[in-house]
Amino acid sequence: MSTNTQAHERIDLRTSPEIKDLIVRAASSAGMTVSAFLLGTAQERAKEILAEKEMVTLTSRDWRALPRRWTTPRGRGPSSPPP
């Protein structure tokens, strides 16, 4: 979270004492407040998840075919339906 950004939104969580203790210990080990630790790790993971959703994974075969697909006019490729 940017230090210049004013935080106005709130997120409330309920958890077990064991999970809270784990988070408190991890935040302390990282030299962070619990809020900073939770926000930082949640933000990092949220970005990873969204990046994975936006990422296209190709097989080796598809990767090799990609330049041909870029240069083949639409409607003329091997996977185009017949007219």
PDB file of N, CA and C in Angstrom:
ATOM      1  N   MET A   1       0.854  -1.179   0.000  1.00  0.00           N
ATOM      2  CA  MET A   1       0.000   0.000   0.000  1.00  0.00           C
ATOM      3  C   MET A   1       0.891   1.230   0.000  1.00  0.00           C
ATOM      4  N   SER A   2       0.601   2.173  -0.828  1.00  0.00           N
ATOM      5  CA  SER A   2       1.418   3.376  -0.954  1.00  0.00           C
ATOM      6  C   SER A   2       1.346   4.201   0.325  1.00  0.00           C
ATOM      7  N   THR A   3       2.478   4.774   0.701  1.00  0.00           N
ATOM      8  CA  THR A   3       2.502   5.587   1.917  1.00  0.00           C
ATOM      9  C   THR A   3       1.801   6.919   1.718  1.00  0.00           C
ATOM     10  N   ASN A   4       1.605   7.337   0.467  1.00  0.00           N
ATOM     11  CA  ASN A   4       0.928   8.600   0.184  1.00  0.00           C
ATOM     12  C   ASN A   4      -0.584   8.433   0.089  1.00  0.00           C
ATOM     13  N   THR A   5      -1.056   7.209   0.088  1.00  0.00           N
ATOM     14  CA  THR A   5      -2.478   6.942  -0.057  1.00  0.00           C
ATOM     15  C   THR A   5      -3.140   6.913   1.313  1.00  0.00           C
ATOM     16  N   GLN A   6      -4.201   7.686   1.447  1.00  0.00           N
ATOM     17  CA  GLN A   6      -4.962   7.687   2.685  1.00  0.00           C
ATOM     18  C   GLN A   6      -5.912   6.493   2.669  1.00  0.00           C
ATOM     19  N   ALA A   7      -5.904   5.719   3.728  1.00  0.00           N
ATOM     20  CA  ALA A   7      -6.786   4.557   3.821  1.00  0.00           C
ATOM     21  C   ALA A   7      -8.123   4.987   4.417  1.00  0.00           C
ATOM     22  N   HIS A   8      -9.184   4.774   3.655  1.00  0.00           N
ATOM     23  CA  HIS A   8     -10.520   5.136   4.124  1.00  0.00           C
ATOM     24  C   HIS A   8     -11.442   3.928   4.210  1.00  0.00           C
ATOM     25  N   GLU A   9     -11.064   2.855   3.556  1.00  0.00           N
ATOM     26  CA  GLU A   9     -11.901   1.659   3.545  1.00  0.00           C
ATOM     27  C   GLU A   9     -11.497   0.735   4.680  1.00  0.00           C
ATOM     28  N   ARG A  10     -12.437  -0.111   5.075  1.00  0.00           N
ATOM     29  CA  ARG A  10     -12.195  -1.002   6.201  1.00  0.00           C
ATOM     30  C   ARG A  10     -12.572  -2.425   5.807  1.00  0.00           C
ATOM     31  N   ILE A  11     -11.789  -3.388   6.276  1.00  0.00           N
ATOM     32  CA  ILE A  11     -12.087  -4.804   6.090  1.00  0.00           C
ATOM     33  C   ILE A  11     -12.071  -5.439   7.476  1.00  0.00           C
ATOM     34  N   ASP A  12     -13.157  -6.096   7.841  1.00  0.00           N
ATOM     35  CA  ASP A  12     -13.232  -6.776   9.138  1.00  0.00           C
ATOM     36  C   ASP A  12     -13.136  -8.280   8.909  1.00  0.00           C
ATOM     37  N   LEU A  13     -12.361  -8.941   9.740  1.00  0.00           N
ATOM     38  CA  LEU A  13     -12.169 -10.387   9.622  1.00  0.00           C
ATOM     39  C   LEU A  13     -12.437 -11.068  10.952  1.00  0.00           C
ATOM     40  N   ARG A  14     -12.919 -12.285  10.872  1.00  0.00           N
ATOM     41  CA  ARG A  14     -13.039 -13.127  12.062  1.00  0.00           C
ATOM     42  C   ARG A  14     -12.176 -14.353  11.812  1.00  0.00           C
ATOM     43  N   THR A  15     -11.481 -14.779  12.855  1.00  0.00           N
ATOM     44  CA  THR A  15     -10.597 -15.929  12.713  1.00  0.00           C
ATOM     45  C   THR A  15     -10.470 -16.658  14.041  1.00  0.00           C
ATOM     46  N   SER A  16      -9.854 -17.796  13.992  1.00  0.00           N
ATOM     47  CA  SER A  16      -9.616 -18.561  15.221  1.00  0.00           C
ATOM     48  C   SER A  16      -8.412 -17.966  15.955  1.00  0.00           C
ATOM     49  N   PRO A  17      -8.315 -18.233  17.245  1.00  0.00           N
ATOM     50  CA  PRO A  17      -7.146 -17.747  17.995  1.00  0.00           C
ATOM     51  C   PRO A  17      -5.825 -18.281  17.429  1.00  0.00           C
ATOM     52  N   GLU A  18      -5.838 -19.509  16.930  1.00  0.00           N
ATOM     53  CA  GLU A  18      -4.614 -20.099  16.380  1.00  0.00           C
ATOM     54  C   GLU A  18      -4.143 -19.359  15.130  1.00  0.00           C
ATOM     55  N   ILE A  19      -5.071 -19.042  14.248  1.00  0.00           N
ATOM     56  CA  ILE A  19      -4.701 -18.326  13.022  1.00  0.00           C
ATOM     57  C   ILE A  19      -4.264 -16.906  13.353  1.00  0.00           C
ATOM     58  N   LYS A  20      -4.961 -16.268  14.284  1.00  0.00           N
ATOM     59  CA  LYS A  20      -4.565 -14.919  14.685  1.00  0.00           C
ATOM     60  C   LYS A  20      -3.148 -14.932  15.242  1.00  0.00           C
ATOM     61  N   ASP A  21      -2.848 -15.901  16.098  1.00  0.00           N
ATOM     62  CA  ASP A  21      -1.507 -15.996  16.676  1.00  0.00           C
ATOM     63  C   ASP A  21      -0.460 -16.205  15.584  1.00  0.00           C
ATOM     64  N   LEU A  22      -0.763 -17.046  14.625  1.00  0.00           N
ATOM     65  CA  LEU A  22       0.151 -17.288  13.508  1.00  0.00           C
ATOM     66  C   LEU A  22       0.434 -15.998  12.741  1.00  0.00           C
ATOM     67  N   ILE A  23      -0.624 -15.242  12.448  1.00  0.00           N
ATOM     68  CA  ILE A  23      -0.482 -13.984  11.705  1.00  0.00           C
ATOM     69  C   ILE A  23       0.300 -12.957  12.522  1.00  0.00           C
ATOM     70  N   VAL A  24      -0.008 -12.852  13.791  1.00  0.00           N
ATOM     71  CA  VAL A  24       0.697 -11.903  14.663  1.00  0.00           C
ATOM     72  C   VAL A  24       2.185 -12.244  14.718  1.00  0.00           C
ATOM     73  N   ARG A  25       2.507 -13.524  14.860  1.00  0.00           N
ATOM     74  CA  ARG A  25       3.915 -13.933  14.920  1.00  0.00           C
ATOM     75  C   ARG A  25       4.628 -13.667  13.599  1.00  0.00           C
ATOM     76  N   ALA A  26       3.959 -13.951  12.481  1.00  0.00           N
ATOM     77  CA  ALA A  26       4.573 -13.712  11.168  1.00  0.00           C
ATOM     78  C   ALA A  26       4.795 -12.223  10.937  1.00  0.00           C
ATOM     79  N   ALA A  27       3.803 -11.407  11.287  1.00  0.00           N
ATOM     80  CA  ALA A  27       3.944  -9.956  11.128  1.00  0.00           C
ATOM     81  C   ALA A  27       5.100  -9.443  11.974  1.00  0.00           C
ATOM     82  N   SER A  28       5.181  -9.912  13.195  1.00  0.00           N
ATOM     83  CA  SER A  28       6.265  -9.499  14.086  1.00  0.00           C
ATOM     84  C   SER A  28       7.625  -9.917  13.524  1.00  0.00           C
ATOM     85  N   SER A  29       7.706 -11.124  13.004  1.00  0.00           N
ATOM     86  CA  SER A  29       8.965 -11.608  12.412  1.00  0.00           C
ATOM     87  C   SER A  29       9.382 -10.775  11.212  1.00  0.00           C
ATOM     88  N   ALA A  30       8.386 -10.258  10.484  1.00  0.00           N
ATOM     89  CA  ALA A  30       8.664  -9.428   9.312  1.00  0.00           C
ATOM     90  C   ALA A  30       8.887  -7.970   9.688  1.00  0.00           C
ATOM     91  N   GLY A  31       8.729  -7.641  10.981  1.00  0.00           N
ATOM     92  CA  GLY A  31       8.904  -6.261  11.423  1.00  0.00           C
ATOM     93  C   GLY A  31       7.772  -5.356  10.966  1.00  0.00           C
ATOM     94  N   MET A  32       6.580  -5.932  10.874  1.00  0.00           N
ATOM     95  CA  MET A  32       5.428  -5.179  10.372  1.00  0.00           C
ATOM     96  C   MET A  32       4.297  -5.222  11.390  1.00  0.00           C
ATOM     97  N   THR A  33       3.383  -4.257  11.268  1.00  0.00           N
ATOM     98  CA  THR A  33       2.152  -4.336  12.046  1.00  0.00           C
ATOM     99  C   THR A  33       1.289  -5.427  11.422  1.00  0.00           C
ATOM    100  N   VAL A  34       0.325  -5.907  12.185  1.00  0.00           N
ATOM    101  CA  VAL A  34      -0.579  -6.930  11.650  1.00  0.00           C
ATOM    102  C   VAL A  34      -1.335  -6.376  10.445  1.00  0.00           C
ATOM    103  N   SER A  35      -1.800  -5.139  10.530  1.00  0.00           N
ATOM    104  CA  SER A  35      -2.528  -4.537   9.403  1.00  0.00           C
ATOM    105  C   SER A  35      -1.656  -4.457   8.159  1.00  0.00           C
ATOM    106  N   ALA A  36      -0.433  -3.972   8.314  1.00  0.00           N
ATOM    107  CA  ALA A  36       0.471  -3.855   7.164  1.00  0.00           C
ATOM    108  C   ALA A  36       0.788  -5.228   6.586  1.00  0.00           C
ATOM    109  N   PHE A  37       0.988  -6.209   7.456  1.00  0.00           N
ATOM    110  CA  PHE A  37       1.281  -7.566   7.006  1.00  0.00           C
ATOM    111  C   PHE A  37       0.107  -8.139   6.220  1.00  0.00           C
ATOM    112  N   LEU A  38      -1.097  -8.039   6.778  1.00  0.00           N
ATOM    113  CA  LEU A  38      -2.277  -8.581   6.096  1.00  0.00           C
ATOM    114  C   LEU A  38      -2.532  -7.880   4.771  1.00  0.00           C
ATOM    115  N   LEU A  39      -2.458  -6.554   4.772  1.00  0.00           N
ATOM    116  CA  LEU A  39      -2.700  -5.818   3.531  1.00  0.00           C
ATOM    117  C   LEU A  39      -1.638  -6.118   2.484  1.00  0.00           C
ATOM    118  N   GLY A  40      -0.390  -6.151   2.909  1.00  0.00           N
ATOM    119  CA  GLY A  40       0.696  -6.413   1.967  1.00  0.00           C
ATOM    120  C   GLY A  40       0.613  -7.791   1.349  1.00  0.00           C
ATOM    121  N   THR A  41       0.407  -8.805   2.191  1.00  0.00           N
ATOM    122  CA  THR A  41       0.348 -10.165   1.658  1.00  0.00           C
ATOM    123  C   THR A  41      -0.920 -10.396   0.850  1.00  0.00           C
ATOM    124  N   ALA A  42      -2.027  -9.827   1.273  1.00  0.00           N
ATOM    125  CA  ALA A  42      -3.274  -9.981   0.516  1.00  0.00           C
ATOM    126  C   ALA A  42      -3.174  -9.278  -0.835  1.00  0.00           C
ATOM    127  N   GLN A  43      -2.589  -8.090  -0.851  1.00  0.00           N
ATOM    128  CA  GLN A  43      -2.434  -7.353  -2.105  1.00  0.00           C
ATOM    129  C   GLN A  43      -1.520  -8.110  -3.068  1.00  0.00           C
ATOM    130  N   GLU A  44      -0.420  -8.629  -2.539  1.00  0.00           N
ATOM    131  CA  GLU A  44       0.525  -9.393  -3.357  1.00  0.00           C
ATOM    132  C   GLU A  44      -0.156 -10.616  -3.974  1.00  0.00           C
ATOM    133  N   ARG A  45      -0.896 -11.348  -3.154  1.00  0.00           N
ATOM    134  CA  ARG A  45      -1.576 -12.560  -3.639  1.00  0.00           C
ATOM    135  C   ARG A  45      -2.687 -12.206  -4.620  1.00  0.00           C
ATOM    136  N   ALA A  46      -3.402 -11.128  -4.369  1.00  0.00           N
ATOM    137  CA  ALA A  46      -4.464 -10.701  -5.285  1.00  0.00           C
ATOM    138  C   ALA A  46      -3.890 -10.388  -6.662  1.00  0.00           C
ATOM    139  N   LYS A  47      -2.751  -9.710  -6.701  1.00  0.00           N
ATOM    140  CA  LYS A  47      -2.105  -9.400  -7.980  1.00  0.00           C
ATOM    141  C   LYS A  47      -1.676 -10.670  -8.699  1.00  0.00           C
ATOM    142  N   GLU A  48      -1.135 -11.645  -7.946  1.00  0.00           N
ATOM    143  CA  GLU A  48      -0.720 -12.916  -8.545  1.00  0.00           C
ATOM    144  C   GLU A  48      -1.909 -13.641  -9.163  1.00  0.00           C
ATOM    145  N   ILE A  49      -3.011 -13.704  -8.433  1.00  0.00           N
ATOM    146  CA  ILE A  49      -4.204 -14.400  -8.917  1.00  0.00           C
ATOM    147  C   ILE A  49      -4.733 -13.740 -10.176  1.00  0.00           C
ATOM    148  N   LEU A  50      -4.821 -12.416 -10.181  1.00  0.00           N
ATOM    149  CA  LEU A  50      -5.328 -11.708 -11.356  1.00  0.00           C
ATOM    150  C   LEU A  50      -4.387 -11.852 -12.540  1.00  0.00           C
ATOM    151  N   ALA A  51      -3.088 -11.841 -12.293  1.00  0.00           N
ATOM    152  CA  ALA A  51      -2.118 -12.023 -13.380  1.00  0.00           C
ATOM    153  C   ALA A  51      -2.254 -13.414 -13.986  1.00  0.00           C
ATOM    154  N   GLU A  52      -2.470 -14.432 -13.149  1.00  0.00           N
ATOM    155  CA  GLU A  52      -2.659 -15.792 -13.650  1.00  0.00           C
ATOM    156  C   GLU A  52      -3.904 -15.884 -14.521  1.00  0.00           C
ATOM    157  N   LYS A  53      -4.957 -15.184 -14.149  1.00  0.00           N
ATOM    158  CA  LYS A  53      -6.201 -15.213 -14.924  1.00  0.00           C
ATOM    159  C   LYS A  53      -6.032 -14.526 -16.271  1.00  0.00           C
ATOM    160  N   GLU A  54      -5.148 -13.530 -16.330  1.00  0.00           N
ATOM    161  CA  GLU A  54      -4.934 -12.779 -17.563  1.00  0.00           C
ATOM    162  C   GLU A  54      -3.866 -13.411 -18.445  1.00  0.00           C
ATOM    163  N   MET A  55      -3.126 -14.371 -17.906  1.00  0.00           N
ATOM    164  CA  MET A  55      -2.032 -14.995 -18.635  1.00  0.00           C
ATOM    165  C   MET A  55      -2.572 -16.087 -19.561  1.00  0.00           C
ATOM    166  N   VAL A  56      -2.013 -16.152 -20.743  1.00  0.00           N
ATOM    167  CA  VAL A  56      -2.371 -17.188 -21.699  1.00  0.00           C
ATOM    168  C   VAL A  56      -1.253 -18.224 -21.690  1.00  0.00           C
ATOM    169  N   THR A  57      -1.615 -19.471 -21.523  1.00  0.00           N
ATOM    170  CA  THR A  57      -0.632 -20.548 -21.530  1.00  0.00           C
ATOM    171  C   THR A  57      -0.756 -21.311 -22.835  1.00  0.00           C
ATOM    172  N   LEU A  58       0.366 -21.464 -23.518  1.00  0.00           N
ATOM    173  CA  LEU A  58       0.379 -22.159 -24.800  1.00  0.00           C
ATOM    174  C   LEU A  58       1.198 -23.437 -24.706  1.00  0.00           C
ATOM    175  N   THR A  59       0.775 -24.441 -25.466  1.00  0.00           N
ATOM    176  CA  THR A  59       1.601 -25.634 -25.608  1.00  0.00           C
ATOM    177  C   THR A  59       2.765 -25.278 -26.527  1.00  0.00           C
ATOM    178  N   SER A  60       3.773 -26.132 -26.591  1.00  0.00           N
ATOM    179  CA  SER A  60       4.912 -25.890 -27.494  1.00  0.00           C
ATOM    180  C   SER A  60       4.433 -25.788 -28.936  1.00  0.00           C
ATOM    181  N   ARG A  61       3.495 -26.630 -29.293  1.00  0.00           N
ATOM    182  CA  ARG A  61       2.950 -26.624 -30.657  1.00  0.00           C
ATOM    183  C   ARG A  61       2.247 -25.299 -30.959  1.00  0.00           C
ATOM    184  N   ASP A  62       1.417 -24.844 -30.031  1.00  0.00           N
ATOM    185  CA  ASP A  62       0.716 -23.571 -30.222  1.00  0.00           C
ATOM    186  C   ASP A  62       1.704 -22.413 -30.293  1.00  0.00           C
ATOM    187  N   TRP A  63       2.756 -22.457 -29.456  1.00  0.00           N
ATOM    188  CA  TRP A  63       3.769 -21.400 -29.451  1.00  0.00           C
ATOM    189  C   TRP A  63       4.454 -21.307 -30.811  1.00  0.00           C
ATOM    190  N   ARG A  64       4.798 -22.459 -31.393  1.00  0.00           N
ATOM    191  CA  ARG A  64       5.460 -22.467 -32.702  1.00  0.00           C
ATOM    192  C   ARG A  64       4.518 -21.974 -33.799  1.00  0.00           C
ATOM    193  N   ALA A  65       3.229 -22.204 -33.646  1.00  0.00           N
ATOM    194  CA  ALA A  65       2.251 -21.794 -34.656  1.00  0.00           C
ATOM    195  C   ALA A  65       1.863 -20.324 -34.529  1.00  0.00           C
ATOM    196  N   LEU A  66       2.179 -19.703 -33.420  1.00  0.00           N
ATOM    197  CA  LEU A  66       1.743 -18.332 -33.168  1.00  0.00           C
ATOM    198  C   LEU A  66       2.191 -17.332 -34.226  1.00  0.00           C
ATOM    199  N   PRO A  67       3.461 -17.293 -34.642  1.00  0.00           N
ATOM    200  CA  PRO A  67       3.851 -16.316 -35.671  1.00  0.00           C
ATOM    201  C   PRO A  67       3.061 -16.484 -36.971  1.00  0.00           C
ATOM    202  N   ARG A  68       2.771 -17.731 -37.333  1.00  0.00           N
ATOM    203  CA  ARG A  68       1.988 -17.981 -38.552  1.00  0.00           C
ATOM    204  C   ARG A  68       0.570 -17.435 -38.386  1.00  0.00           C
ATOM    205  N   ARG A  69       0.009 -17.597 -37.214  1.00  0.00           N
ATOM    206  CA  ARG A  69      -1.357 -17.097 -36.972  1.00  0.00           C
ATOM    207  C   ARG A  69      -1.405 -15.573 -37.041  1.00  0.00           C
ATOM    208  N   TRP A  70      -0.320 -14.922 -36.590  1.00  0.00           N
ATOM    209  CA  TRP A  70      -0.277 -13.460 -36.651  1.00  0.00           C
ATOM    210  C   TRP A  70      -0.204 -12.966 -38.088  1.00  0.00           C
ATOM    211  N   THR A  71       0.460 -13.714 -38.951  1.00  0.00           N
ATOM    212  CA  THR A  71       0.673 -13.249 -40.322  1.00  0.00           C
ATOM    213  C   THR A  71      -0.349 -13.789 -41.309  1.00  0.00           C
ATOM    214  N   THR A  72      -1.147 -14.771 -40.922  1.00  0.00           N
ATOM    215  CA  THR A  72      -2.171 -15.320 -41.809  1.00  0.00           C
ATOM    216  C   THR A  72      -3.408 -14.435 -41.733  1.00  0.00           C
ATOM    217  N   PRO A  73      -3.887 -13.942 -42.889  1.00  0.00           N
ATOM    218  CA  PRO A  73      -5.102 -13.118 -42.855  1.00  0.00           C
ATOM    219  C   PRO A  73      -6.263 -13.897 -42.257  1.00  0.00           C
ATOM    220  N   ARG A  74      -7.094 -13.210 -41.540  1.00  0.00           N
ATOM    221  CA  ARG A  74      -8.229 -13.846 -40.885  1.00  0.00           C
ATOM    222  C   ARG A  74      -9.120 -14.506 -41.927  1.00  0.00           C
ATOM    223  N   GLY A  75      -9.570 -15.682 -41.615  1.00  0.00           N
ATOM    224  CA  GLY A  75     -10.447 -16.401 -42.532  1.00  0.00           C
ATOM    225  C   GLY A  75      -9.692 -17.281 -43.507  1.00  0.00           C
ATOM    226  N   ARG A  76      -8.354 -17.284 -43.435  1.00  0.00           N
ATOM    227  CA  ARG A  76      -7.578 -18.097 -44.363  1.00  0.00           C
ATOM    228  C   ARG A  76      -6.710 -19.125 -43.652  1.00  0.00           C
ATOM    229  N   GLY A  77      -6.815 -19.211 -42.358  1.00  0.00           N
ATOM    230  CA  GLY A  77      -5.996 -20.158 -41.608  1.00  0.00           C
ATOM    231  C   GLY A  77      -6.561 -21.559 -41.678  1.00  0.00           C
ATOM    232  N   PRO A  78      -5.779 -22.550 -41.259  1.00  0.00           N
ATOM    233  CA  PRO A  78      -6.217 -23.937 -41.338  1.00  0.00           C
ATOM    234  C   PRO A  78      -7.410 -24.250 -40.447  1.00  0.00           C
ATOM    235  N   SER A  79      -7.643 -23.456 -39.420  1.00  0.00           N
ATOM    236  CA  SER A  79      -8.772 -23.739 -38.540  1.00  0.00           C
ATOM    237  C   SER A  79     -10.013 -22.941 -38.912  1.00  0.00           C
ATOM    238  N   SER A  80      -9.949 -22.212 -40.022  1.00  0.00           N
ATOM    239  CA  SER A  80     -11.101 -21.416 -40.444  1.00  0.00           C
ATOM    240  C   SER A  80     -12.164 -22.319 -41.043  1.00  0.00           C
ATOM    241  N   PRO A  81     -13.423 -22.029 -40.769  1.00  0.00           N
ATOM    242  CA  PRO A  81     -14.500 -22.831 -41.367  1.00  0.00           C
ATOM    243  C   PRO A  81     -14.558 -22.583 -42.872  1.00  0.00           C
ATOM    244  N   PRO A  82     -14.936 -23.595 -43.635  1.00  0.00           N
ATOM    245  CA  PRO A  82     -15.039 -23.399 -45.087  1.00  0.00           C
ATOM    246  C   PRO A  82     -16.124 -22.382 -45.414  1.00  0.00           C
ATOM    247  N   PRO A  83     -15.955 -21.645 -46.530  1.00  0.00           N
ATOM    248  CA  PRO A  83     -16.965 -20.625 -46.889  1.00  0.00           C
ATOM    249  C   PRO A  83     -18.277 -21.232 -47.309  1.00  0.00           C
TER     250      PRO A  83
END
